[in-house]
Protein backbone atom coordinates (compact mmCIF):
# COMPACT_ATOMS: atom_id res chain seq x y z
CA MET A 1 -6.07 -60.29 36.23
CA PHE A 2 -9.60 -59.97 34.84
CA GLU A 3 -11.20 -58.25 37.84
CA ASN A 4 -11.65 -54.86 36.16
CA ASP A 5 -11.64 -55.95 32.52
CA ASN A 6 -14.54 -55.27 30.19
CA LYS A 7 -13.92 -58.44 28.19
CA ILE A 8 -12.70 -61.89 29.11
CA LEU A 9 -10.79 -63.64 26.34
CA LEU A 10 -9.57 -67.13 25.59
CA THR A 11 -6.62 -67.98 23.36
CA GLU A 12 -7.08 -70.28 20.38
CA ASP A 13 -5.26 -72.98 22.35
CA GLU A 14 -7.95 -72.72 25.06
CA MET A 15 -10.84 -73.17 22.64
CA PRO A 16 -12.96 -76.28 23.37
CA THR A 17 -12.39 -79.16 20.96
CA GLN A 18 -15.62 -81.07 21.68
CA TRP A 19 -19.32 -80.33 21.39
CA TYR A 20 -21.59 -81.29 24.28
CA ASN A 21 -24.50 -83.63 23.57
CA ILE A 22 -27.17 -83.28 26.27
CA LEU A 23 -29.22 -86.32 25.12
CA PRO A 24 -27.59 -88.93 27.39
CA ASP A 25 -28.02 -86.63 30.41
CA LEU A 26 -31.77 -86.16 30.03
CA PRO A 27 -33.75 -87.50 33.02
CA GLU A 28 -36.38 -88.76 30.57
CA PRO A 29 -35.83 -89.66 26.90
CA MET A 30 -37.33 -87.54 24.15
CA ALA A 31 -40.18 -88.75 21.94
CA PRO A 32 -38.84 -89.96 18.57
CA PRO A 33 -39.46 -88.15 15.27
CA LEU A 34 -42.13 -89.78 13.09
CA HIS A 35 -42.11 -90.55 9.37
CA PRO A 36 -44.64 -88.21 7.67
CA GLY A 37 -46.11 -91.06 5.62
CA THR A 38 -46.28 -93.99 8.03
CA MET A 39 -46.41 -92.01 11.30
CA GLN A 40 -43.97 -94.59 12.68
CA PRO A 41 -40.66 -93.69 14.37
CA ALA A 42 -38.27 -92.39 11.72
CA THR A 43 -35.11 -94.38 10.99
CA ALA A 44 -31.69 -93.22 9.86
CA GLU A 45 -32.60 -94.30 6.33
CA ASP A 46 -35.64 -91.99 6.41
CA PHE A 47 -33.35 -89.00 6.96
CA ALA A 48 -30.77 -90.06 4.35
CA PRO A 49 -32.31 -88.16 1.39
CA LEU A 50 -31.88 -84.91 3.34
CA PHE A 51 -28.78 -85.25 5.53
CA PRO A 52 -25.36 -86.95 5.40
CA MET A 53 -24.99 -90.01 7.59
CA ALA A 54 -22.50 -88.31 9.91
CA LEU A 55 -25.11 -85.72 10.92
CA ILE A 56 -27.85 -88.36 11.20
CA GLU A 57 -25.62 -90.27 13.62
CA GLN A 58 -25.04 -87.09 15.64
CA GLU A 59 -28.78 -86.46 15.71
CA MET A 60 -29.32 -89.79 17.46
CA SER A 61 -26.01 -90.12 19.33
CA GLN A 62 -25.83 -91.05 23.01
CA GLU A 63 -22.22 -89.91 23.38
CA ARG A 64 -21.92 -86.99 25.81
CA PHE A 65 -19.06 -85.34 23.93
CA ILE A 66 -18.29 -85.41 20.21
CA ASP A 67 -14.92 -84.32 18.84
CA ILE A 68 -14.91 -81.27 16.58
CA PRO A 69 -13.05 -82.19 13.35
CA GLY A 70 -9.75 -80.43 12.81
CA GLU A 71 -10.95 -78.94 9.51
CA VAL A 72 -13.91 -77.37 11.34
CA LEU A 73 -11.70 -76.04 14.15
CA ASP A 74 -9.47 -74.41 11.52
CA VAL A 75 -12.44 -72.45 10.15
CA TYR A 76 -13.75 -71.70 13.64
CA LYS A 77 -10.45 -69.99 14.40
CA LEU A 78 -11.34 -67.22 11.93
CA TRP A 79 -13.45 -65.79 14.79
CA ARG A 80 -13.39 -68.15 17.78
CA PRO A 81 -13.00 -68.06 20.70
CA SER A 82 -15.55 -65.25 20.91
CA PRO A 83 -15.34 -62.65 23.71
CA LEU A 84 -17.33 -62.59 26.94
CA PHE A 85 -18.13 -59.02 27.99
CA ARG A 86 -19.04 -57.56 31.36
CA ALA A 87 -21.74 -54.95 30.64
CA ARG A 88 -20.41 -52.45 33.19
CA ARG A 89 -21.80 -49.37 31.45
CA LEU A 90 -25.26 -50.88 31.15
CA GLU A 91 -25.13 -51.87 34.82
CA LYS A 92 -24.28 -48.25 35.70
CA LEU A 93 -27.16 -46.89 33.62
CA LEU A 94 -29.59 -49.28 35.32
CA ASP A 95 -28.10 -48.48 38.75
CA THR A 96 -28.24 -52.18 39.58
CA PRO A 97 -26.10 -54.27 41.94
CA ALA A 98 -26.37 -57.14 39.43
CA LYS A 99 -23.47 -58.16 37.21
CA ILE A 100 -24.41 -58.62 33.55
CA TYR A 101 -22.23 -60.71 31.26
CA TYR A 102 -22.90 -61.31 27.56
CA LYS A 103 -21.25 -63.75 25.20
CA TYR A 104 -20.84 -61.92 21.88
CA GLU A 105 -21.26 -64.01 18.72
CA GLY A 106 -21.43 -61.05 16.33
CA VAL A 107 -17.69 -61.39 15.65
CA SER A 108 -18.27 -64.22 13.16
CA PRO A 109 -18.10 -63.66 9.37
CA ALA A 110 -21.90 -63.69 9.18
CA GLY A 111 -22.26 -61.47 12.24
CA SER A 112 -24.12 -64.09 14.30
CA HIS A 113 -23.83 -67.48 16.02
CA LYS A 114 -25.07 -69.39 12.97
CA PRO A 115 -21.65 -70.33 11.46
CA ASN A 116 -21.03 -72.51 14.54
CA THR A 117 -23.28 -75.13 12.91
CA ALA A 118 -23.12 -74.03 9.27
CA VAL A 119 -19.42 -74.88 9.05
CA PRO A 120 -19.69 -78.46 10.40
CA GLN A 121 -22.84 -79.12 8.36
CA ALA A 122 -21.08 -78.04 5.17
CA TYR A 123 -17.99 -80.04 6.16
CA TYR A 124 -19.83 -83.33 6.78
CA ASN A 125 -21.75 -82.98 3.50
CA TYR A 126 -18.53 -82.20 1.64
CA LYS A 127 -16.85 -85.30 3.09
CA GLU A 128 -19.71 -87.44 1.74
CA GLY A 129 -19.36 -85.99 -1.76
CA ILE A 130 -22.38 -83.68 -1.74
CA LYS A 131 -22.06 -80.81 -4.23
CA LYS A 132 -24.92 -78.55 -3.16
CA LEU A 133 -26.83 -77.55 -0.04
CA THR A 134 -30.30 -76.01 0.08
CA THR A 135 -31.79 -74.17 3.01
CA GLU A 136 -34.25 -71.58 4.25
CA THR A 137 -33.53 -68.40 6.15
CA GLY A 138 -35.59 -65.85 8.04
CA ALA A 139 -33.64 -62.73 8.97
CA GLY A 140 -30.85 -63.91 6.67
CA GLN A 141 -28.18 -64.74 9.23
CA TRP A 142 -28.49 -68.48 8.68
CA GLY A 143 -28.49 -68.13 4.90
CA THR A 144 -25.42 -65.91 5.09
CA SER A 145 -23.70 -68.41 7.38
CA LEU A 146 -24.39 -71.41 5.17
CA ALA A 147 -23.29 -69.52 2.05
CA PHE A 148 -20.05 -68.66 3.85
CA ALA A 149 -19.58 -72.26 5.03
CA CYS A 150 -20.20 -73.67 1.55
CA SER A 151 -17.61 -71.26 0.15
CA GLN A 152 -15.04 -72.80 2.51
CA PHE A 153 -15.55 -76.23 0.94
CA GLY A 154 -16.30 -75.31 -2.69
CA MET A 155 -20.00 -76.21 -2.56
CA GLU A 156 -23.09 -74.59 -4.08
CA CYS A 157 -25.67 -73.04 -1.77
CA GLU A 158 -29.30 -72.28 -2.71
CA ILE A 159 -31.40 -70.34 -0.21
CA TRP A 160 -35.09 -69.54 0.19
CA GLN A 161 -35.59 -66.45 2.36
CA VAL A 162 -38.90 -65.57 4.03
CA ALA A 163 -40.40 -62.94 1.72
CA ALA A 164 -41.09 -60.37 4.45
CA SER A 165 -37.40 -60.39 5.43
CA TYR A 166 -36.23 -60.60 1.80
CA ARG A 167 -38.07 -57.38 1.04
CA SER A 168 -37.08 -55.52 4.23
CA LYS A 169 -33.39 -56.55 4.37
CA PRO A 170 -31.90 -56.16 0.86
CA TYR A 171 -28.31 -56.11 2.05
CA ARG A 172 -28.66 -59.58 3.51
CA LYS A 173 -29.28 -60.72 -0.08
CA THR A 174 -26.09 -58.95 -1.13
CA MET A 175 -24.09 -60.56 1.65
CA MET A 176 -25.33 -64.06 0.76
CA GLU A 177 -24.41 -63.44 -2.87
CA ILE A 178 -20.94 -62.18 -1.89
CA TYR A 179 -20.35 -65.61 -0.34
CA GLY A 180 -21.68 -67.32 -3.49
CA GLY A 181 -25.23 -68.12 -2.39
CA ILE A 182 -28.19 -68.21 -4.79
CA LEU A 183 -31.21 -66.57 -3.17
CA HIS A 184 -34.98 -66.66 -3.75
CA PRO A 185 -37.83 -64.98 -1.83
CA SER A 186 -40.21 -67.52 -0.30
CA PRO A 187 -42.82 -68.35 -1.39
CA SER A 188 -41.09 -68.43 -4.77
CA ASP A 189 -41.94 -69.28 -8.35
CA ARG A 190 -39.17 -71.91 -8.29
CA THR A 191 -41.30 -74.63 -6.70
CA GLU A 192 -44.79 -75.95 -7.25
CA TYR A 193 -45.69 -75.28 -3.62
CA GLY A 194 -44.42 -71.73 -3.81
CA ARG A 195 -46.34 -71.03 -7.00
CA SER A 196 -49.56 -72.29 -5.41
CA LEU A 197 -49.20 -69.83 -2.52
CA LEU A 198 -48.33 -66.91 -4.79
CA ALA A 199 -51.45 -67.66 -6.85
CA GLU A 200 -53.51 -67.06 -3.69
CA ASP A 201 -51.53 -64.00 -2.56
CA PRO A 202 -48.87 -62.41 -4.82
CA ASN A 203 -47.60 -60.44 -1.79
CA HIS A 204 -47.49 -63.41 0.59
CA PRO A 205 -45.21 -62.53 3.56
CA GLY A 206 -43.93 -66.10 3.81
CA SER A 207 -42.84 -68.03 6.88
CA LEU A 208 -39.93 -70.23 7.87
CA GLY A 209 -42.20 -73.25 7.54
CA ILE A 210 -42.95 -72.38 3.90
CA ALA A 211 -39.29 -71.70 3.12
CA ILE A 212 -38.34 -75.06 4.65
CA SER A 213 -40.87 -76.81 2.40
CA GLU A 214 -39.34 -75.24 -0.71
CA ALA A 215 -35.74 -75.99 0.30
CA VAL A 216 -36.54 -79.57 1.33
CA GLY A 217 -38.40 -80.19 -1.94
CA GLU A 218 -35.43 -79.01 -3.99
CA ALA A 219 -32.96 -81.15 -2.04
CA ALA A 220 -35.12 -84.28 -2.20
CA ALA A 221 -35.36 -83.98 -6.00
CA ASN A 222 -31.58 -83.68 -6.55
CA PRO A 223 -29.36 -86.69 -5.69
CA GLU A 224 -26.28 -84.44 -5.52
CA ALA A 225 -27.95 -82.05 -3.07
CA ARG A 226 -28.79 -82.21 0.60
CA TYR A 227 -30.68 -79.93 2.97
CA ALA A 228 -29.20 -77.99 5.91
CA LEU A 229 -31.23 -76.66 8.84
CA GLY A 230 -30.07 -73.75 10.97
CA SER A 231 -31.92 -74.58 14.18
CA VAL A 232 -34.37 -77.00 15.87
CA LEU A 233 -32.57 -80.33 15.29
CA ASN A 234 -30.46 -82.03 17.98
CA HIS A 235 -27.18 -81.91 16.05
CA VAL A 236 -27.63 -78.21 15.29
CA LEU A 237 -28.07 -77.33 18.97
CA MET A 238 -25.11 -79.55 19.82
CA HIS A 239 -22.81 -77.69 17.40
CA GLN A 240 -23.77 -74.42 19.12
CA THR A 241 -22.65 -75.65 22.55
CA ILE A 242 -19.18 -74.32 21.86
CA ILE A 243 -20.73 -70.99 22.95
CA GLY A 244 -21.59 -72.26 26.42
CA GLU A 245 -18.39 -74.28 26.77
CA GLU A 246 -16.32 -71.17 26.11
CA ALA A 247 -18.48 -69.11 28.46
CA LEU A 248 -17.92 -71.62 31.27
CA LEU A 249 -14.14 -71.27 30.87
CA GLN A 250 -14.37 -67.48 30.69
CA LEU A 251 -16.54 -67.10 33.79
CA ALA A 252 -14.17 -69.44 35.65
CA LYS A 253 -11.35 -66.97 34.94
CA VAL A 254 -13.20 -64.37 37.04
CA GLY A 255 -14.56 -66.82 39.58
CA GLU A 256 -18.21 -66.34 38.62
CA THR A 257 -21.18 -68.65 38.14
CA PRO A 258 -24.50 -67.33 36.80
CA ASP A 259 -27.59 -66.97 38.96
CA VAL A 260 -29.76 -66.29 35.92
CA LEU A 261 -29.17 -67.27 32.28
CA VAL A 262 -31.44 -65.79 29.60
CA GLY A 263 -31.40 -66.40 25.87
CA CYS A 264 -33.57 -65.39 22.94
CA THR A 265 -35.42 -68.40 21.61
CA GLY A 266 -36.90 -68.90 18.15
CA GLY A 267 -35.92 -72.36 16.95
CA GLY A 268 -33.65 -72.92 19.95
CA SER A 269 -30.08 -73.12 18.67
CA ASN A 270 -28.74 -69.90 20.22
CA PHE A 271 -30.44 -70.66 23.52
CA GLY A 272 -29.34 -74.30 23.59
CA GLY A 273 -25.80 -73.39 22.59
CA LEU A 274 -25.40 -71.11 25.59
CA ALA A 275 -27.59 -72.94 28.09
CA PHE A 276 -26.88 -76.67 27.65
CA PRO A 277 -23.33 -76.71 29.09
CA PHE A 278 -24.58 -74.72 32.11
CA LEU A 279 -27.55 -77.06 32.43
CA ARG A 280 -25.08 -79.97 32.53
CA GLU A 281 -23.24 -78.30 35.40
CA LYS A 282 -26.55 -77.64 37.14
CA MET A 283 -27.58 -81.29 36.84
CA ALA A 284 -24.20 -82.23 38.32
CA GLY A 285 -24.87 -79.98 41.33
CA LYS A 286 -22.02 -77.57 40.55
CA MET A 287 -24.22 -74.49 40.12
CA ASN A 288 -27.89 -73.61 40.28
CA PRO A 289 -28.84 -70.92 37.76
CA THR A 290 -32.39 -70.11 36.70
CA ILE A 291 -32.41 -70.77 32.94
CA ARG A 292 -34.97 -68.77 30.98
CA CYS A 293 -36.06 -68.82 27.33
CA VAL A 294 -37.19 -65.47 25.91
CA GLU A 295 -39.42 -65.41 22.84
CA PRO A 296 -41.38 -62.72 20.95
CA SER A 297 -44.97 -62.06 21.96
CA ALA A 298 -45.89 -62.30 18.26
CA CYS A 299 -44.62 -65.90 18.05
CA PRO A 300 -44.86 -67.32 21.59
CA THR A 301 -44.20 -70.96 20.84
CA LEU A 302 -43.31 -72.14 24.35
CA THR A 303 -45.61 -69.86 26.29
CA LEU A 304 -48.75 -70.28 24.16
CA GLY A 305 -48.06 -73.26 21.88
CA GLU A 306 -49.10 -76.86 22.45
CA PHE A 307 -46.66 -79.70 23.13
CA ARG A 308 -47.51 -82.28 20.50
CA TYR A 309 -46.32 -83.81 17.25
CA ASP A 310 -46.26 -81.45 14.28
CA PHE A 311 -44.51 -80.99 10.96
CA GLY A 312 -41.40 -78.85 10.85
CA ASP A 313 -42.55 -77.30 7.59
CA THR A 314 -45.82 -75.91 6.27
CA ALA A 315 -46.36 -78.37 3.42
CA GLY A 316 -46.00 -81.42 5.68
CA MET A 317 -42.95 -82.91 3.96
CA THR A 318 -40.62 -83.22 6.96
CA PRO A 319 -40.71 -85.81 9.75
CA LEU A 320 -43.05 -84.93 12.59
CA MET A 321 -41.40 -83.88 15.83
CA LYS A 322 -42.87 -83.62 19.31
CA MET A 323 -42.39 -79.98 20.15
CA HIS A 324 -44.13 -76.86 21.29
CA THR A 325 -45.96 -75.61 18.21
CA LEU A 326 -48.35 -72.89 17.12
CA GLY A 327 -49.36 -75.08 14.18
CA HIS A 328 -47.40 -75.53 10.96
CA ASP A 329 -49.89 -73.28 9.13
CA PHE A 330 -49.23 -70.41 11.55
CA ILE A 331 -48.02 -67.26 9.78
CA PRO A 332 -46.48 -64.94 12.39
CA ASP A 333 -46.77 -61.19 12.27
CA THR A 334 -43.97 -59.56 10.27
CA ILE A 335 -41.98 -58.44 13.31
CA HIS A 336 -38.38 -57.35 12.83
CA ALA A 337 -36.93 -60.37 14.66
CA GLY A 338 -37.26 -62.55 11.56
CA GLY A 339 -35.07 -65.28 13.04
CA LEU A 340 -37.60 -65.88 15.83
CA ARG A 341 -40.64 -66.26 13.55
CA TYR A 342 -40.85 -70.06 13.55
CA HIS A 343 -44.03 -71.96 14.41
CA GLY A 344 -42.22 -74.67 16.39
CA MET A 345 -39.60 -74.90 19.10
CA ALA A 346 -36.66 -77.30 19.08
CA PRO A 347 -37.84 -80.67 20.42
CA LEU A 348 -34.92 -80.65 22.89
CA VAL A 349 -35.84 -77.23 24.29
CA SER A 350 -39.52 -78.18 24.33
CA HIS A 351 -38.70 -81.39 26.21
CA LEU A 352 -36.63 -79.53 28.81
CA TYR A 353 -39.44 -77.01 29.25
CA GLU A 354 -41.96 -79.80 29.82
CA LEU A 355 -39.65 -81.32 32.43
CA GLY A 356 -39.50 -77.97 34.23
CA MET A 357 -35.76 -77.61 33.69
CA VAL A 358 -36.05 -74.26 31.90
CA GLU A 359 -38.50 -71.35 32.11
CA ALA A 360 -40.03 -69.27 29.30
CA ILE A 361 -41.39 -65.76 28.90
CA ASN A 362 -42.44 -63.68 25.90
CA ILE A 363 -41.71 -59.98 25.40
CA PRO A 364 -43.19 -57.50 22.85
CA GLN A 365 -40.83 -55.98 20.30
CA THR A 366 -41.16 -52.35 21.46
CA GLU A 367 -39.80 -53.27 24.90
CA CYS A 368 -37.02 -55.20 23.19
CA PHE A 369 -35.96 -52.21 21.08
CA GLU A 370 -36.15 -49.89 24.09
CA GLY A 371 -33.66 -52.22 25.76
CA ALA A 372 -31.56 -52.35 22.59
CA LEU A 373 -31.13 -48.57 22.60
CA LYS A 374 -30.00 -48.64 26.23
CA PHE A 375 -27.54 -51.38 25.33
CA ALA A 376 -26.21 -49.69 22.19
CA ARG A 377 -25.78 -46.32 23.91
CA THR A 378 -23.81 -47.85 26.77
CA GLU A 379 -22.05 -50.96 25.43
CA GLY A 380 -21.56 -49.62 21.90
CA ILE A 381 -22.91 -52.62 19.96
CA VAL A 382 -26.10 -52.37 17.93
CA PRO A 383 -27.82 -55.72 18.56
CA ALA A 384 -29.71 -57.73 15.96
CA PRO A 385 -33.48 -57.73 16.61
CA GLU A 386 -33.37 -61.32 17.85
CA PRO A 387 -31.07 -60.87 20.89
CA THR A 388 -32.91 -57.70 21.90
CA HIS A 389 -35.35 -60.13 23.53
CA ALA A 390 -32.59 -61.51 25.75
CA ILE A 391 -31.35 -57.98 26.46
CA ALA A 392 -34.85 -56.91 27.52
CA ALA A 393 -35.10 -59.94 29.83
CA ALA A 394 -31.66 -59.21 31.31
CA ILE A 395 -32.70 -55.62 31.97
CA ARG A 396 -35.89 -56.81 33.68
CA GLU A 397 -33.80 -59.06 35.92
CA ALA A 398 -31.24 -56.34 36.65
CA LEU A 399 -33.98 -53.87 37.62
CA ALA A 400 -35.53 -56.49 39.90
CA CYS A 401 -32.12 -56.76 41.58
CA LYS A 402 -32.14 -52.99 42.01
CA GLU A 403 -35.39 -53.31 43.93
CA SER A 404 -34.31 -56.31 46.00
CA GLY A 405 -30.67 -55.37 46.49
CA GLU A 406 -29.54 -58.81 45.26
CA GLU A 407 -26.15 -58.99 43.56
CA LYS A 408 -27.09 -61.62 41.00
CA VAL A 409 -24.85 -62.66 38.11
CA ILE A 410 -26.84 -62.50 34.86
CA LEU A 411 -25.53 -64.23 31.73
CA THR A 412 -26.89 -63.85 28.23
CA ALA A 413 -25.79 -64.29 24.63
CA LEU A 414 -25.67 -61.40 22.21
CA CYS A 415 -26.05 -63.76 19.27
CA GLY A 416 -25.53 -61.18 16.51
CA HIS A 417 -25.09 -57.54 15.57
CA GLY A 418 -27.76 -55.43 13.86
CA HIS A 419 -25.71 -53.64 11.21
CA LEU A 420 -27.95 -55.02 8.47
CA ASP A 421 -31.11 -54.40 10.49
CA LEU A 422 -30.97 -50.63 10.70
CA ALA A 423 -34.36 -50.30 8.97
CA ALA A 424 -35.88 -51.83 12.10
CA TYR A 425 -34.18 -49.23 14.28
CA GLU A 426 -35.27 -46.48 11.90
CA ASN A 427 -38.83 -47.73 12.26
CA PHE A 428 -38.55 -47.72 16.05
CA LEU A 429 -36.91 -44.29 16.28
CA ALA A 430 -39.63 -42.83 14.05
CA GLY A 431 -42.29 -44.10 16.46
CA GLN A 432 -43.73 -46.41 13.81
CA MET A 433 -43.09 -49.74 15.53
CA VAL A 434 -46.12 -51.49 16.99
CA ASP A 435 -46.58 -54.63 19.02
CA ALA A 436 -48.52 -57.48 17.46
CA ASP A 437 -51.69 -58.46 19.27
CA LEU A 438 -51.79 -62.22 18.78
CA GLU A 439 -55.26 -63.58 19.34
CA GLN A 440 -55.79 -67.14 20.58
CA SER A 441 -58.26 -67.73 17.73
CA VAL A 442 -55.42 -67.37 15.21
CA ILE A 443 -53.44 -70.11 16.95
CA ASP A 444 -56.54 -72.29 17.30
CA LYS A 445 -57.23 -72.06 13.57
CA SER A 446 -53.66 -73.02 12.70
CA MET A 447 -53.75 -75.95 15.13
CA GLU A 448 -56.73 -77.45 13.30
CA THR A 449 -54.38 -79.00 10.73
CA VAL A 450 -51.96 -80.47 13.28
CA PRO A 451 -52.15 -84.28 13.47
CA ASN A 452 -53.81 -85.50 16.67
CA LEU A 453 -51.33 -88.19 17.70
């Protein structure tokens, strides 16, 4: 039935109704988050000023599967199940015996995978009577997603966007405002911390760590507000596993299992969402794919960062998490993949990397955009800058198969379209895009402020 199809679809009735929680399946437990004041393991009460109790319980849950609420499923059905494509035209261009499949999340209202967690986060806050959510955003996909999710439940949404992205992507601002979001560039003049940074540099490019500090500070000061995070935390990655659960069902329809799974990795939610269900099957001995994280060379958290406790934000207001970090003071180069410019990696992804259960590579942005043009000119979709990293890695793997003659099955996630990122493509097509040359001394300087625990 699907043998010659370009896309493999599920009906709404086939959509998974549970998220997968990988925590109870870990061969070794993760290190706990620490309270930023006492440096002792954080309790549920420590998280209560920022998150509703339902999400705190999910963060710490040892249940392997958690039911998706009916109200969340109803919103999901605006775009889910999302399609799985066979990249036949890209395969032909590369002249490879490999099969390339990509799970396309750009069909969501925000144009990315981010609503998969934005909707449940807004829902659980709404159920606990919260009136307003604050957050940060890099490229703008998370801010757009949370603004959309808040609109579904009649909530306010206030967003701090990394200044470099705010200035380079004006239509993301418009899209957030269409959904009712209130947007500020970060660092901003709305917070004391933001004002202190602007006093030092009025044109500060910002970072996700700085934007988190501003959003967290606003939420902590308002009893009717809470904070929402678009990546990194356990419950966020768990909400994204609907991607991988659907992909498992879709590949089963064509009798395929992946030999290689690659995913772009910034904070870890897109990667974890695709990879964790397949990692579960691998641990159960049902398949044996190589699972590979792909990050930008300008912000190589896994490949060059240290595995240690660090703050999730720049100001040191959040709990400390044991993760791969470049230092919370690290300000990445202003590459176009704004969603991958985070100093730390999700503790879960970092933990799996330390256990040797996943691999990691970093790729420069010019190679990523070269791959994106090949993809767009064959498959017809203009990718967001973030998944161009996964596309570049998939192309590397497919070309290796061309050399070896192996007929590998390659799976990746195209986590968003690039319709609001055309300035990046214009820059590349004009020959003006350069690769950042990240020096170890820059990382070393940032790491000086990381607690030595």
